[in-house]
């Protein structure tokens, strides 16, 4: 069964509301990394926690990933520095997702 890897890179301030959103749409879990980088909104380093970036990865059914993208667009993109991408993947241990 196909799965989708949803990768979200955003400011750390979005972590808690993002985790609530993931639980609310039925995502079974996520992996969160603290990351640094530079983009359209300038350099983001991890030196000051409030201004740090995080990367969140979620493996989900395509329908769940689609719901997540829609809700991110509606409720998060206007409030947080954020980008999200989807990749079709094949995973082992299908029962986990």
C-alpha atoms as a PDB file:
ATOM      1  CA  UNK A   1       0.000   0.000   0.000  1.00  0.00           C
ATOM      2  CA  UNK A   2       1.511   3.405  -0.932  1.00  0.00           C
ATOM      3  CA  UNK A   3       2.407   5.898   1.758  1.00  0.00           C
ATOM      4  CA  UNK A   4       3.351   9.561   1.719  1.00  0.00           C
ATOM      5  CA  UNK A   5       6.299  11.162   3.458  1.00  0.00           C
ATOM      6  CA  UNK A   6       5.282  14.667   4.478  1.00  0.00           C
ATOM      7  CA  UNK A   7       8.245  16.896   5.342  1.00  0.00           C
ATOM      8  CA  UNK A   8       7.528  20.167   7.112  1.00  0.00           C
ATOM      9  CA  UNK A   9      10.220  22.742   7.854  1.00  0.00           C
ATOM     10  CA  UNK A  10       9.084  25.582  10.066  1.00  0.00           C
ATOM     11  CA  UNK A  11       9.922  27.828  12.946  1.00  0.00           C
ATOM     12  CA  UNK A  12      10.098  26.096  16.319  1.00  0.00           C
ATOM     13  CA  UNK A  13       7.178  28.183  17.626  1.00  0.00           C
ATOM     14  CA  UNK A  14       4.872  26.043  15.472  1.00  0.00           C
ATOM     15  CA  UNK A  15       5.881  22.747  17.127  1.00  0.00           C
ATOM     16  CA  UNK A  16       3.069  22.400  19.668  1.00  0.00           C
ATOM     17  CA  UNK A  17       0.167  23.437  17.410  1.00  0.00           C
ATOM     18  CA  UNK A  18       1.628  21.272  14.649  1.00  0.00           C
ATOM     19  CA  UNK A  19       1.765  18.228  16.930  1.00  0.00           C
ATOM     20  CA  UNK A  20      -1.887  18.810  17.903  1.00  0.00           C
ATOM     21  CA  UNK A  21      -2.820  19.014  14.223  1.00  0.00           C
ATOM     22  CA  UNK A  22      -1.019  15.750  13.454  1.00  0.00           C
ATOM     23  CA  UNK A  23      -2.879  13.951  16.233  1.00  0.00           C
ATOM     24  CA  UNK A  24      -6.174  15.499  15.137  1.00  0.00           C
ATOM     25  CA  UNK A  25      -5.998  14.149  11.583  1.00  0.00           C
ATOM     26  CA  UNK A  26      -4.913  10.662  12.587  1.00  0.00           C
ATOM     27  CA  UNK A  27      -1.170  10.710  11.949  1.00  0.00           C
ATOM     28  CA  UNK A  28       0.332   7.911  14.053  1.00  0.00           C
ATOM     29  CA  UNK A  29       3.506   9.778  14.897  1.00  0.00           C
ATOM     30  CA  UNK A  30       6.254  12.005  13.627  1.00  0.00           C
ATOM     31  CA  UNK A  31       9.980  12.579  13.791  1.00  0.00           C
ATOM     32  CA  UNK A  32      11.209  16.039  14.737  1.00  0.00           C
ATOM     33  CA  UNK A  33      14.682  17.456  14.099  1.00  0.00           C
ATOM     34  CA  UNK A  34      16.162  20.804  15.061  1.00  0.00           C
ATOM     35  CA  UNK A  35      17.621  22.280  11.860  1.00  0.00           C
ATOM     36  CA  UNK A  36      19.402  25.375  10.619  1.00  0.00           C
ATOM     37  CA  UNK A  37      19.354  26.990   7.215  1.00  0.00           C
ATOM     38  CA  UNK A  38      18.835  30.018   5.071  1.00  0.00           C
ATOM     39  CA  UNK A  39      15.904  30.846   2.828  1.00  0.00           C
ATOM     40  CA  UNK A  40      13.575  33.599   1.737  1.00  0.00           C
ATOM     41  CA  UNK A  41      13.162  34.791   5.332  1.00  0.00           C
ATOM     42  CA  UNK A  42      16.895  34.914   6.032  1.00  0.00           C
ATOM     43  CA  UNK A  43      19.288  32.856   8.103  1.00  0.00           C
ATOM     44  CA  UNK A  44      17.742  30.705  10.829  1.00  0.00           C
ATOM     45  CA  UNK A  45      20.171  29.295  13.380  1.00  0.00           C
ATOM     46  CA  UNK A  46      19.561  27.230  16.476  1.00  0.00           C
ATOM     47  CA  UNK A  47      21.348  29.670  18.787  1.00  0.00           C
ATOM     48  CA  UNK A  48      18.156  31.267  20.094  1.00  0.00           C
ATOM     49  CA  UNK A  49      15.502  28.629  20.689  1.00  0.00           C
ATOM     50  CA  UNK A  50      12.567  30.921  19.884  1.00  0.00           C
ATOM     51  CA  UNK A  51      14.013  31.621  16.426  1.00  0.00           C
ATOM     52  CA  UNK A  52      15.181  28.088  15.632  1.00  0.00           C
ATOM     53  CA  UNK A  53      13.792  25.922  12.847  1.00  0.00           C
ATOM     54  CA  UNK A  54      12.493  22.385  13.085  1.00  0.00           C
ATOM     55  CA  UNK A  55      11.901  19.704  10.496  1.00  0.00           C
ATOM     56  CA  UNK A  56       8.992  17.352  11.056  1.00  0.00           C
ATOM     57  CA  UNK A  57       8.590  14.164   9.054  1.00  0.00           C
ATOM     58  CA  UNK A  58       5.353  12.211   8.968  1.00  0.00           C
ATOM     59  CA  UNK A  59       4.667   8.951   7.155  1.00  0.00           C
ATOM     60  CA  UNK A  60       0.966   8.551   6.489  1.00  0.00           C
ATOM     61  CA  UNK A  61      -1.632   7.304   4.068  1.00  0.00           C
ATOM     62  CA  UNK A  62      -1.955   9.654   1.084  1.00  0.00           C
ATOM     63  CA  UNK A  63      -5.412  10.811   2.242  1.00  0.00           C
ATOM     64  CA  UNK A  64      -4.090  11.765   5.698  1.00  0.00           C
ATOM     65  CA  UNK A  65      -1.120  13.582   4.155  1.00  0.00           C
ATOM     66  CA  UNK A  66      -3.525  15.473   1.873  1.00  0.00           C
ATOM     67  CA  UNK A  67      -5.612  16.565   4.864  1.00  0.00           C
ATOM     68  CA  UNK A  68      -2.467  17.741   6.620  1.00  0.00           C
ATOM     69  CA  UNK A  69      -1.337  19.826   3.646  1.00  0.00           C
ATOM     70  CA  UNK A  70      -4.792  21.425   3.346  1.00  0.00           C
ATOM     71  CA  UNK A  71      -4.900  22.337   7.038  1.00  0.00           C
ATOM     72  CA  UNK A  72      -1.351  23.657   6.963  1.00  0.00           C
ATOM     73  CA  UNK A  73      -2.302  25.930   4.074  1.00  0.00           C
ATOM     74  CA  UNK A  74      -5.456  27.140   5.829  1.00  0.00           C
ATOM     75  CA  UNK A  75      -4.197  27.613   9.377  1.00  0.00           C
ATOM     76  CA  UNK A  76      -0.396  27.643   9.507  1.00  0.00           C
ATOM     77  CA  UNK A  77       1.169  29.181   6.393  1.00  0.00           C
ATOM     78  CA  UNK A  78      -0.101  32.672   7.195  1.00  0.00           C
ATOM     79  CA  UNK A  79       1.121  32.505  10.819  1.00  0.00           C
ATOM     80  CA  UNK A  80       4.467  30.732  10.630  1.00  0.00           C
ATOM     81  CA  UNK A  81       7.519  30.584   8.401  1.00  0.00           C
ATOM     82  CA  UNK A  82       6.841  27.145   6.949  1.00  0.00           C
ATOM     83  CA  UNK A  83       7.255  24.958   3.893  1.00  0.00           C
ATOM     84  CA  UNK A  84       5.849  21.476   3.347  1.00  0.00           C
ATOM     85  CA  UNK A  85       6.522  18.829   0.728  1.00  0.00           C
ATOM     86  CA  UNK A  86       5.125  15.412  -0.107  1.00  0.00           C
ATOM     87  CA  UNK A  87       6.959  12.380  -1.454  1.00  0.00           C
ATOM     88  CA  UNK A  88       5.408   9.047  -2.455  1.00  0.00           C
ATOM     89  CA  UNK A  89       7.267   6.271  -0.642  1.00  0.00           C
ATOM     90  CA  UNK A  90       7.188   2.542   0.021  1.00  0.00           C
ATOM     91  CA  UNK A  91       7.809   1.407   3.599  1.00  0.00           C
ATOM     92  CA  UNK A  92       8.360  -1.830   5.425  1.00  0.00           C
ATOM     93  CA  UNK A  93       6.216  -2.635   8.462  1.00  0.00           C
ATOM     94  CA  UNK A  94       2.998  -1.426   6.818  1.00  0.00           C
ATOM     95  CA  UNK A  95       1.021  -2.130  10.000  1.00  0.00           C
ATOM     96  CA  UNK A  96       2.883   0.700  11.768  1.00  0.00           C
ATOM     97  CA  UNK A  97       1.346   3.330   9.507  1.00  0.00           C
END
